[in-house]
N, C-alpha and C. Protein backbone atom coordinates (compact mmCIF):
# COMPACT_ATOMS: atom_id res chain seq x y z
N MET A 1 -29.53 6.70 -9.68
CA MET A 1 -28.29 6.23 -9.09
C MET A 1 -27.20 6.20 -10.15
N THR A 2 -25.97 6.23 -9.70
CA THR A 2 -24.83 6.25 -10.60
C THR A 2 -24.50 4.84 -11.06
N PRO A 3 -24.27 4.65 -12.35
CA PRO A 3 -23.91 3.31 -12.82
C PRO A 3 -22.49 2.94 -12.39
N SER A 4 -22.28 1.64 -12.22
CA SER A 4 -20.96 1.13 -11.85
C SER A 4 -20.02 1.27 -13.04
N ALA A 5 -18.75 1.50 -12.78
CA ALA A 5 -17.79 1.70 -13.86
C ALA A 5 -17.54 0.41 -14.63
N SER A 6 -17.54 -0.72 -13.94
CA SER A 6 -17.22 -1.97 -14.62
C SER A 6 -18.44 -2.62 -15.26
N SER A 7 -19.61 -2.57 -14.61
CA SER A 7 -20.80 -3.20 -15.19
C SER A 7 -21.60 -2.25 -16.08
N GLU A 8 -21.38 -0.96 -15.92
CA GLU A 8 -22.06 0.10 -16.67
C GLU A 8 -23.58 0.11 -16.42
N TYR A 9 -24.02 -0.43 -15.31
CA TYR A 9 -25.43 -0.42 -14.92
C TYR A 9 -25.53 0.03 -13.47
N CYS A 10 -26.67 0.59 -13.13
CA CYS A 10 -26.95 0.90 -11.73
C CYS A 10 -27.24 -0.40 -10.99
N PRO A 11 -26.78 -0.54 -9.76
CA PRO A 11 -27.09 -1.75 -9.00
C PRO A 11 -28.59 -1.97 -8.82
N PHE A 12 -29.34 -0.90 -8.66
CA PHE A 12 -30.79 -1.02 -8.49
C PHE A 12 -31.42 -1.64 -9.73
N TYR A 13 -30.96 -1.25 -10.91
CA TYR A 13 -31.53 -1.77 -12.15
C TYR A 13 -31.22 -3.26 -12.30
N LEU A 14 -30.03 -3.70 -11.88
CA LEU A 14 -29.68 -5.11 -11.97
C LEU A 14 -30.48 -5.96 -10.99
N VAL A 15 -30.93 -5.38 -9.91
CA VAL A 15 -31.70 -6.14 -8.93
C VAL A 15 -33.19 -6.15 -9.27
N PHE A 16 -33.73 -4.98 -9.61
CA PHE A 16 -35.18 -4.86 -9.77
C PHE A 16 -35.64 -4.78 -11.22
N GLY A 17 -34.75 -4.59 -12.18
CA GLY A 17 -35.13 -4.58 -13.58
C GLY A 17 -35.70 -3.27 -14.08
N GLU A 18 -35.67 -2.23 -13.30
CA GLU A 18 -36.15 -0.93 -13.73
C GLU A 18 -35.39 0.14 -12.97
N ASP A 19 -35.48 1.36 -13.47
CA ASP A 19 -34.80 2.46 -12.80
C ASP A 19 -35.51 2.78 -11.48
N MET A 20 -34.75 3.34 -10.57
CA MET A 20 -35.28 3.66 -9.26
C MET A 20 -36.27 4.82 -9.36
N ASN A 21 -37.37 4.70 -8.65
CA ASN A 21 -38.35 5.78 -8.59
C ASN A 21 -37.92 6.76 -7.50
N LEU A 22 -37.46 7.90 -7.93
CA LEU A 22 -37.05 8.93 -6.99
C LEU A 22 -38.25 9.81 -6.67
N PRO A 23 -38.24 10.52 -5.56
CA PRO A 23 -39.41 11.32 -5.17
C PRO A 23 -39.83 12.35 -6.21
N PHE A 24 -38.88 13.01 -6.85
CA PHE A 24 -39.29 14.00 -7.84
C PHE A 24 -39.78 13.34 -9.12
N GLY A 25 -39.32 12.13 -9.42
CA GLY A 25 -39.79 11.42 -10.61
C GLY A 25 -41.21 10.91 -10.45
N VAL A 26 -41.57 10.52 -9.26
CA VAL A 26 -42.92 10.01 -9.01
C VAL A 26 -43.95 11.12 -9.16
N ASN A 27 -43.61 12.31 -8.71
CA ASN A 27 -44.57 13.42 -8.74
C ASN A 27 -44.68 14.07 -10.12
N LEU A 28 -43.59 14.15 -10.86
CA LEU A 28 -43.60 14.93 -12.10
C LEU A 28 -43.88 14.12 -13.35
N ILE A 29 -43.37 12.91 -13.41
CA ILE A 29 -43.47 12.12 -14.64
C ILE A 29 -44.68 11.20 -14.56
N PRO A 30 -45.61 11.30 -15.50
CA PRO A 30 -46.76 10.38 -15.47
C PRO A 30 -46.34 8.97 -15.89
N ARG A 31 -46.91 7.97 -15.27
CA ARG A 31 -46.60 6.57 -15.58
C ARG A 31 -47.33 6.15 -16.83
N GLU A 32 -46.61 5.53 -17.76
CA GLU A 32 -47.21 5.08 -19.01
C GLU A 32 -47.80 3.68 -18.90
N ASP A 33 -47.28 2.90 -17.98
CA ASP A 33 -47.69 1.50 -17.91
C ASP A 33 -48.71 1.24 -16.79
N LEU A 34 -49.49 2.21 -16.42
CA LEU A 34 -50.47 2.00 -15.36
C LEU A 34 -51.63 1.10 -15.81
N ASN A 35 -51.99 1.14 -17.07
CA ASN A 35 -53.13 0.36 -17.54
C ASN A 35 -52.74 -1.02 -18.07
N LYS A 36 -51.46 -1.40 -17.98
CA LYS A 36 -51.03 -2.70 -18.50
C LYS A 36 -51.49 -3.82 -17.58
N ASN A 37 -51.52 -5.00 -18.17
CA ASN A 37 -51.82 -6.20 -17.42
C ASN A 37 -50.64 -6.52 -16.50
N LEU A 38 -50.90 -7.05 -15.33
CA LEU A 38 -49.84 -7.34 -14.36
C LEU A 38 -48.88 -8.39 -14.89
N LYS A 39 -49.40 -9.43 -15.56
CA LYS A 39 -48.54 -10.50 -16.07
C LYS A 39 -47.59 -9.97 -17.15
N THR A 40 -48.08 -9.15 -18.05
CA THR A 40 -47.19 -8.60 -19.08
C THR A 40 -46.16 -7.65 -18.47
N HIS A 41 -46.55 -6.94 -17.45
CA HIS A 41 -45.61 -6.04 -16.78
C HIS A 41 -44.48 -6.84 -16.12
N ILE A 42 -44.81 -7.92 -15.43
CA ILE A 42 -43.80 -8.77 -14.78
C ILE A 42 -42.92 -9.44 -15.83
N ASP A 43 -43.51 -9.90 -16.94
CA ASP A 43 -42.72 -10.51 -18.01
C ASP A 43 -41.73 -9.51 -18.61
N ASN A 44 -42.17 -8.27 -18.79
CA ASN A 44 -41.27 -7.24 -19.31
C ASN A 44 -40.10 -6.98 -18.35
N ILE A 45 -40.41 -6.94 -17.07
CA ILE A 45 -39.35 -6.71 -16.08
C ILE A 45 -38.37 -7.87 -16.08
N LEU A 46 -38.87 -9.12 -16.13
CA LEU A 46 -37.98 -10.28 -16.13
C LEU A 46 -37.13 -10.33 -17.40
N ASP A 47 -37.71 -9.98 -18.54
CA ASP A 47 -36.92 -9.94 -19.78
C ASP A 47 -35.83 -8.87 -19.70
N ASN A 48 -36.20 -7.71 -19.16
CA ASN A 48 -35.21 -6.65 -18.99
C ASN A 48 -34.09 -7.08 -18.05
N LEU A 49 -34.45 -7.81 -16.98
CA LEU A 49 -33.44 -8.29 -16.04
C LEU A 49 -32.48 -9.26 -16.69
N LYS A 50 -32.99 -10.21 -17.49
CA LYS A 50 -32.12 -11.19 -18.15
C LYS A 50 -31.16 -10.50 -19.10
N ILE A 51 -31.68 -9.57 -19.88
CA ILE A 51 -30.82 -8.86 -20.83
C ILE A 51 -29.79 -8.00 -20.09
N ALA A 52 -30.23 -7.30 -19.05
CA ALA A 52 -29.32 -6.43 -18.31
C ALA A 52 -28.23 -7.23 -17.61
N LYS A 53 -28.59 -8.38 -17.04
CA LYS A 53 -27.58 -9.20 -16.36
C LYS A 53 -26.59 -9.79 -17.34
N ALA A 54 -27.04 -10.19 -18.52
CA ALA A 54 -26.13 -10.72 -19.54
C ALA A 54 -25.15 -9.64 -20.00
N ILE A 55 -25.67 -8.46 -20.26
CA ILE A 55 -24.79 -7.36 -20.69
C ILE A 55 -23.85 -6.96 -19.56
N ALA A 56 -24.34 -6.95 -18.32
CA ALA A 56 -23.49 -6.57 -17.18
C ALA A 56 -22.36 -7.58 -16.98
N THR A 57 -22.64 -8.89 -17.13
CA THR A 57 -21.56 -9.88 -16.99
C THR A 57 -20.54 -9.74 -18.10
N GLU A 58 -20.98 -9.44 -19.33
CA GLU A 58 -20.03 -9.20 -20.41
C GLU A 58 -19.17 -7.97 -20.11
N ASN A 59 -19.80 -6.92 -19.62
CA ASN A 59 -19.05 -5.71 -19.27
C ASN A 59 -18.06 -5.97 -18.14
N LEU A 60 -18.48 -6.76 -17.14
CA LEU A 60 -17.58 -7.10 -16.04
C LEU A 60 -16.39 -7.91 -16.52
N ASN A 61 -16.63 -8.90 -17.38
CA ASN A 61 -15.53 -9.71 -17.91
C ASN A 61 -14.57 -8.84 -18.71
N HIS A 62 -15.11 -7.94 -19.52
CA HIS A 62 -14.27 -7.05 -20.30
C HIS A 62 -13.45 -6.13 -19.38
N ALA A 63 -14.07 -5.60 -18.34
CA ALA A 63 -13.36 -4.72 -17.40
C ALA A 63 -12.28 -5.48 -16.63
N GLN A 64 -12.56 -6.74 -16.26
CA GLN A 64 -11.57 -7.55 -15.55
C GLN A 64 -10.37 -7.84 -16.44
N GLN A 65 -10.61 -8.15 -17.70
CA GLN A 65 -9.50 -8.39 -18.63
C GLN A 65 -8.66 -7.13 -18.81
N LYS A 66 -9.32 -5.99 -18.89
CA LYS A 66 -8.61 -4.73 -19.04
C LYS A 66 -7.76 -4.44 -17.80
N GLN A 67 -8.32 -4.67 -16.60
CA GLN A 67 -7.58 -4.46 -15.37
C GLN A 67 -6.41 -5.43 -15.25
N LYS A 68 -6.61 -6.66 -15.72
CA LYS A 68 -5.56 -7.67 -15.66
C LYS A 68 -4.39 -7.28 -16.55
N THR A 69 -4.68 -6.83 -17.77
CA THR A 69 -3.58 -6.43 -18.67
C THR A 69 -2.86 -5.20 -18.13
N ASN A 70 -3.59 -4.26 -17.54
CA ASN A 70 -2.93 -3.09 -16.95
C ASN A 70 -2.08 -3.48 -15.76
N TYR A 71 -2.53 -4.46 -14.98
CA TYR A 71 -1.75 -4.91 -13.83
C TYR A 71 -0.45 -5.56 -14.28
N TYR A 72 -0.51 -6.42 -15.28
CA TYR A 72 0.68 -7.13 -15.72
C TYR A 72 1.63 -6.24 -16.50
N LYS A 73 1.20 -5.09 -16.96
CA LYS A 73 2.11 -4.15 -17.60
C LYS A 73 3.12 -3.60 -16.60
N ARG A 74 2.67 -3.38 -15.36
CA ARG A 74 3.49 -2.71 -14.36
C ARG A 74 4.19 -3.67 -13.40
N THR A 75 3.92 -4.95 -13.47
CA THR A 75 4.51 -5.86 -12.50
C THR A 75 5.65 -6.65 -13.12
N GLU A 76 6.55 -7.04 -12.28
CA GLU A 76 7.67 -7.89 -12.68
C GLU A 76 7.66 -9.13 -11.81
N LEU A 77 8.16 -10.21 -12.37
CA LEU A 77 8.30 -11.43 -11.58
C LEU A 77 9.51 -11.28 -10.67
N PRO A 78 9.46 -11.86 -9.47
CA PRO A 78 10.60 -11.75 -8.57
C PRO A 78 11.83 -12.42 -9.16
N LYS A 79 12.98 -11.82 -8.93
CA LYS A 79 14.23 -12.34 -9.48
C LYS A 79 15.18 -12.75 -8.36
N PHE A 80 14.66 -13.36 -7.33
CA PHE A 80 15.49 -13.77 -6.21
C PHE A 80 16.00 -15.19 -6.44
N GLU A 81 17.21 -15.44 -6.03
CA GLU A 81 17.83 -16.75 -6.14
C GLU A 81 18.18 -17.26 -4.74
N VAL A 82 18.61 -18.52 -4.66
CA VAL A 82 19.01 -19.11 -3.39
C VAL A 82 20.23 -18.36 -2.87
N ASN A 83 20.28 -18.14 -1.56
CA ASN A 83 21.33 -17.43 -0.82
C ASN A 83 21.29 -15.91 -1.01
N ASP A 84 20.27 -15.37 -1.63
CA ASP A 84 20.12 -13.92 -1.70
C ASP A 84 19.62 -13.40 -0.36
N GLN A 85 20.16 -12.28 0.08
CA GLN A 85 19.69 -11.67 1.32
C GLN A 85 18.56 -10.71 0.98
N ILE A 86 17.48 -10.79 1.76
CA ILE A 86 16.30 -9.98 1.48
C ILE A 86 15.75 -9.40 2.77
N LEU A 87 14.91 -8.40 2.63
CA LEU A 87 14.13 -7.83 3.71
C LEU A 87 12.67 -8.07 3.40
N MET A 88 11.85 -8.28 4.44
CA MET A 88 10.42 -8.51 4.24
C MET A 88 9.64 -7.33 4.81
N PHE A 89 8.73 -6.80 4.01
CA PHE A 89 7.89 -5.67 4.40
C PHE A 89 6.86 -6.14 5.42
N THR A 90 6.79 -5.44 6.55
CA THR A 90 5.83 -5.77 7.61
C THR A 90 4.99 -4.54 7.92
N PRO A 91 3.76 -4.47 7.38
CA PRO A 91 2.94 -3.28 7.60
C PRO A 91 2.31 -3.20 8.98
N LYS A 92 2.20 -4.32 9.69
CA LYS A 92 1.53 -4.32 10.99
C LYS A 92 2.50 -3.83 12.07
N VAL A 93 2.06 -2.86 12.82
CA VAL A 93 2.87 -2.25 13.86
C VAL A 93 2.31 -2.69 15.21
N PRO A 94 3.16 -3.17 16.13
CA PRO A 94 2.66 -3.53 17.46
C PRO A 94 2.04 -2.31 18.16
N VAL A 95 1.21 -2.59 19.14
CA VAL A 95 0.42 -1.54 19.79
C VAL A 95 1.32 -0.53 20.50
N GLU A 96 2.41 -0.96 21.09
CA GLU A 96 3.21 -0.05 21.90
C GLU A 96 4.14 0.84 21.07
N TYR A 97 4.18 0.67 19.74
CA TYR A 97 5.06 1.46 18.89
C TYR A 97 4.28 2.43 18.01
N SER A 98 4.94 3.48 17.61
CA SER A 98 4.36 4.44 16.67
C SER A 98 4.64 3.98 15.25
N SER A 99 3.68 4.18 14.35
CA SER A 99 3.88 3.73 12.97
C SER A 99 4.93 4.56 12.26
N LYS A 100 5.16 5.78 12.70
CA LYS A 100 6.17 6.61 12.06
C LYS A 100 7.58 6.15 12.40
N LEU A 101 7.76 5.67 13.62
CA LEU A 101 9.10 5.33 14.07
C LEU A 101 9.43 3.85 13.98
N TYR A 102 8.45 3.02 13.70
CA TYR A 102 8.67 1.58 13.65
C TYR A 102 9.30 1.21 12.31
N LYS A 103 10.23 0.28 12.33
CA LYS A 103 10.90 -0.11 11.08
C LYS A 103 9.92 -0.83 10.16
N LYS A 104 10.00 -0.53 8.90
CA LYS A 104 9.04 -1.03 7.93
C LYS A 104 9.40 -2.43 7.42
N GLN A 105 10.66 -2.84 7.53
CA GLN A 105 11.07 -4.14 7.03
C GLN A 105 11.62 -4.99 8.17
N ASP A 106 11.38 -6.29 8.05
CA ASP A 106 11.97 -7.27 8.95
C ASP A 106 13.15 -7.89 8.23
N GLY A 107 14.14 -8.29 9.00
CA GLY A 107 15.22 -9.01 8.35
C GLY A 107 16.55 -8.60 8.92
N PRO A 108 17.57 -8.97 8.26
CA PRO A 108 17.65 -9.61 6.95
C PRO A 108 17.45 -11.11 7.04
N PHE A 109 16.95 -11.67 5.94
CA PHE A 109 16.77 -13.10 5.77
C PHE A 109 17.57 -13.54 4.56
N TYR A 110 17.82 -14.84 4.47
CA TYR A 110 18.39 -15.35 3.23
C TYR A 110 17.55 -16.52 2.75
N ILE A 111 17.51 -16.70 1.44
CA ILE A 111 16.67 -17.70 0.81
C ILE A 111 17.38 -19.04 0.85
N VAL A 112 16.69 -20.05 1.40
CA VAL A 112 17.24 -21.40 1.49
C VAL A 112 16.81 -22.22 0.30
N ASP A 113 15.53 -22.13 -0.07
CA ASP A 113 14.98 -22.96 -1.14
C ASP A 113 13.97 -22.13 -1.92
N LYS A 114 13.94 -22.38 -3.22
CA LYS A 114 13.00 -21.68 -4.10
C LYS A 114 12.05 -22.72 -4.66
N GLY A 115 10.75 -22.58 -4.35
CA GLY A 115 9.76 -23.54 -4.81
C GLY A 115 9.00 -23.02 -6.02
N SER A 116 7.91 -23.71 -6.33
CA SER A 116 7.09 -23.29 -7.46
C SER A 116 6.24 -22.08 -7.07
N ASN A 117 5.78 -21.34 -8.04
CA ASN A 117 4.96 -20.15 -7.84
C ASN A 117 5.63 -19.13 -6.93
N TYR A 118 6.94 -19.03 -7.02
CA TYR A 118 7.73 -18.04 -6.28
C TYR A 118 7.54 -18.16 -4.78
N MET A 119 7.49 -19.38 -4.29
CA MET A 119 7.47 -19.64 -2.85
C MET A 119 8.92 -19.79 -2.40
N TYR A 120 9.26 -19.18 -1.28
CA TYR A 120 10.62 -19.22 -0.78
C TYR A 120 10.63 -19.72 0.65
N LYS A 121 11.67 -20.49 0.98
CA LYS A 121 11.94 -20.82 2.38
C LYS A 121 13.03 -19.87 2.84
N LEU A 122 12.76 -19.22 3.97
CA LEU A 122 13.67 -18.19 4.45
C LEU A 122 14.26 -18.57 5.80
N ARG A 123 15.48 -18.14 6.02
CA ARG A 123 16.15 -18.27 7.33
C ARG A 123 16.63 -16.89 7.76
N LYS A 124 16.63 -16.69 9.08
CA LYS A 124 17.16 -15.44 9.61
C LYS A 124 18.68 -15.43 9.48
N CYS A 125 19.24 -14.30 9.16
CA CYS A 125 20.69 -14.20 9.05
C CYS A 125 21.36 -14.22 10.43
N SER A 126 20.65 -13.78 11.46
CA SER A 126 21.26 -13.67 12.78
C SER A 126 21.47 -15.03 13.43
N ASP A 127 20.42 -15.88 13.47
CA ASP A 127 20.55 -17.16 14.15
C ASP A 127 20.25 -18.35 13.25
N HIS A 128 20.08 -18.15 11.96
CA HIS A 128 19.85 -19.20 10.96
C HIS A 128 18.61 -20.04 11.27
N GLU A 129 17.62 -19.43 11.92
CA GLU A 129 16.37 -20.12 12.24
C GLU A 129 15.45 -20.08 11.02
N LEU A 130 14.87 -21.25 10.69
CA LEU A 130 13.97 -21.34 9.55
C LEU A 130 12.62 -20.73 9.91
N LEU A 131 12.11 -19.84 9.06
CA LEU A 131 10.80 -19.25 9.30
C LEU A 131 9.73 -20.25 8.94
N LYS A 132 8.76 -20.42 9.84
CA LYS A 132 7.67 -21.36 9.61
C LYS A 132 6.38 -20.58 9.43
N ASN A 133 5.40 -21.23 8.81
CA ASN A 133 4.08 -20.63 8.55
C ASN A 133 4.20 -19.29 7.83
N LEU A 134 5.09 -19.26 6.87
CA LEU A 134 5.28 -18.04 6.10
C LEU A 134 4.30 -18.03 4.95
N PRO A 135 3.46 -17.00 4.85
CA PRO A 135 2.54 -16.94 3.71
C PRO A 135 3.30 -16.70 2.42
N ARG A 136 2.63 -16.96 1.31
CA ARG A 136 3.26 -16.75 0.02
C ARG A 136 3.61 -15.28 -0.12
N PRO A 137 4.87 -14.97 -0.30
CA PRO A 137 5.26 -13.56 -0.34
C PRO A 137 4.81 -12.89 -1.62
N VAL A 138 4.28 -11.72 -1.47
CA VAL A 138 3.92 -10.90 -2.62
C VAL A 138 5.19 -10.18 -3.06
N GLN A 139 5.27 -9.84 -4.33
CA GLN A 139 6.47 -9.20 -4.85
C GLN A 139 6.84 -7.96 -4.04
N SER A 140 5.86 -7.19 -3.63
CA SER A 140 6.16 -5.95 -2.93
C SER A 140 6.61 -6.19 -1.48
N GLN A 141 6.44 -7.42 -0.96
CA GLN A 141 6.85 -7.68 0.41
C GLN A 141 8.33 -8.00 0.53
N LEU A 142 8.93 -8.57 -0.51
CA LEU A 142 10.33 -8.93 -0.45
C LEU A 142 11.14 -7.91 -1.22
N GLN A 143 12.23 -7.45 -0.59
CA GLN A 143 13.10 -6.48 -1.22
C GLN A 143 14.53 -6.94 -1.04
N PRO A 144 15.40 -6.69 -2.02
CA PRO A 144 16.79 -7.11 -1.86
C PRO A 144 17.47 -6.33 -0.75
N GLN A 145 18.33 -7.01 -0.03
CA GLN A 145 19.08 -6.39 1.06
C GLN A 145 20.21 -5.57 0.44
N GLN A 146 20.24 -4.29 0.72
CA GLN A 146 21.30 -3.43 0.21
C GLN A 146 22.51 -3.56 1.14
N GLU A 147 23.67 -3.61 0.53
CA GLU A 147 24.89 -3.67 1.33
C GLU A 147 25.10 -2.32 2.00
N ALA A 148 25.44 -2.35 3.25
CA ALA A 148 25.66 -1.10 3.98
C ALA A 148 26.94 -0.46 3.49
N GLN A 149 26.88 0.80 3.16
CA GLN A 149 28.07 1.49 2.68
C GLN A 149 28.91 1.92 3.87
N GLN A 150 30.20 1.60 3.79
CA GLN A 150 31.13 1.98 4.83
C GLN A 150 31.58 3.41 4.59
N PRO A 151 31.70 4.21 5.63
CA PRO A 151 32.20 5.57 5.42
C PRO A 151 33.66 5.52 4.98
N PRO A 152 34.08 6.47 4.15
CA PRO A 152 35.46 6.45 3.67
C PRO A 152 36.42 6.68 4.83
N ILE A 153 37.54 5.99 4.78
CA ILE A 153 38.56 6.08 5.83
C ILE A 153 39.50 7.22 5.46
N ASP A 154 39.71 8.15 6.38
CA ASP A 154 40.58 9.29 6.14
C ASP A 154 41.98 8.91 6.59
N ASP A 155 42.92 8.90 5.64
CA ASP A 155 44.30 8.51 5.95
C ASP A 155 45.15 9.70 6.39
N ASP A 156 44.62 10.91 6.32
CA ASP A 156 45.39 12.09 6.73
C ASP A 156 45.35 12.22 8.24
N ASP A 157 46.43 11.79 8.89
CA ASP A 157 46.54 11.94 10.34
C ASP A 157 47.48 13.08 10.70
N ASP A 158 47.95 13.85 9.69
CA ASP A 158 48.94 14.89 9.93
C ASP A 158 48.34 16.11 10.63
N ASP A 159 47.08 16.43 10.39
CA ASP A 159 46.51 17.64 10.95
C ASP A 159 45.85 17.40 12.31
N ASP A 160 46.22 16.31 13.00
CA ASP A 160 45.68 16.07 14.34
C ASP A 160 46.28 17.05 15.35
N ASP A 161 47.51 17.56 15.08
CA ASP A 161 48.17 18.46 16.02
C ASP A 161 47.48 19.82 16.04
N ASN A 162 46.86 20.21 14.94
CA ASN A 162 46.26 21.53 14.84
C ASN A 162 44.82 21.57 15.35
N ASP A 163 44.25 20.43 15.70
CA ASP A 163 42.87 20.41 16.19
C ASP A 163 42.82 21.04 17.58
N ILE A 164 41.92 22.00 17.74
CA ILE A 164 41.76 22.68 19.02
C ILE A 164 40.38 22.38 19.54
N ASN A 165 40.30 21.96 20.77
CA ASN A 165 39.02 21.70 21.40
C ASN A 165 38.36 23.04 21.69
N PRO A 166 37.09 23.24 21.35
CA PRO A 166 36.44 24.53 21.58
C PRO A 166 36.44 24.95 23.04
N LYS A 167 36.38 24.01 23.95
CA LYS A 167 36.40 24.36 25.37
C LYS A 167 37.75 24.96 25.75
N ASP A 168 38.82 24.36 25.21
CA ASP A 168 40.16 24.85 25.52
C ASP A 168 40.37 26.25 24.94
N GLN A 169 39.81 26.51 23.81
CA GLN A 169 40.01 27.78 23.13
C GLN A 169 39.37 28.93 23.89
N ASN A 170 38.22 28.73 24.51
CA ASN A 170 37.48 29.82 25.16
C ASN A 170 37.72 29.92 26.66
N GLU A 171 38.52 29.05 27.24
CA GLU A 171 38.69 29.07 28.69
C GLU A 171 39.44 30.29 29.19
N ASP A 172 40.42 30.76 28.44
CA ASP A 172 41.28 31.83 28.92
C ASP A 172 40.74 33.22 28.61
N GLN A 173 39.68 33.33 27.86
CA GLN A 173 39.20 34.65 27.47
C GLN A 173 38.14 35.15 28.45
N GLU A 174 38.14 36.48 28.66
CA GLU A 174 37.15 37.13 29.51
C GLU A 174 36.35 38.08 28.63
N TYR A 175 35.06 38.21 28.95
CA TYR A 175 34.18 39.07 28.17
C TYR A 175 33.55 40.08 29.10
N PRO A 176 33.49 41.36 28.70
CA PRO A 176 32.85 42.37 29.56
C PRO A 176 31.33 42.27 29.46
N ILE A 177 30.64 42.69 30.53
CA ILE A 177 29.18 42.65 30.58
C ILE A 177 28.66 43.99 30.08
N ASP A 178 27.77 43.95 29.09
CA ASP A 178 27.19 45.18 28.55
C ASP A 178 26.07 45.69 29.44
N ARG A 179 25.09 44.85 29.77
CA ARG A 179 23.99 45.26 30.62
C ARG A 179 23.40 44.03 31.29
N PHE A 180 22.66 44.29 32.38
CA PHE A 180 21.96 43.22 33.09
C PHE A 180 20.55 43.11 32.54
N ILE A 181 20.13 41.91 32.28
CA ILE A 181 18.76 41.71 31.83
C ILE A 181 17.84 41.64 33.03
N ARG A 182 18.13 40.79 33.98
CA ARG A 182 17.38 40.69 35.23
C ARG A 182 18.40 40.62 36.35
N SER A 183 18.09 41.25 37.39
CA SER A 183 19.00 41.16 38.53
C SER A 183 18.23 40.67 39.74
N ARG A 184 18.81 39.77 40.43
CA ARG A 184 18.23 39.24 41.66
C ARG A 184 19.27 39.35 42.76
N THR A 185 18.78 39.61 43.90
CA THR A 185 19.68 39.61 45.04
C THR A 185 19.54 38.29 45.76
N ALA A 186 20.64 37.71 46.05
CA ALA A 186 20.60 36.42 46.70
C ALA A 186 20.77 36.54 48.18
């Protein structure tokens, strides 16, 4: 079996204290410990298990510390203040909607109070209703509300006289018929 990346041991070895006997290993490799006493064999397996579990827990702790440092390298603490407008990421899509067309964020909300451990009390911007039973927001769930950009206002009203409606332009023209594609008699 393949060893785990974090414990560096096969799960079978951590449970049973020896490598798994595969069908080709049983037939080809002769057993060296067939003539041993049963008690010494069990003691050897238990000793191997204790050593393997101790090494596996050390490897797991080391791997967890490594994952923790890598996680904190890429994360930032939220920088939201009171009265900031935010959007909340909502991955769950109702049954009657398609996940492609459903909006990914709820909101906008504004922050009423900032508590410890980056807990926020939020109110809806539309009706100022306080959100209740709000789980602790993860950094990736809250995003700052971007101000909607207004399209630029065109102050040139001089060329309104020259605008021609396409329908008006083509109404007076006649076009000759080159050929009939299908003809039906009515």
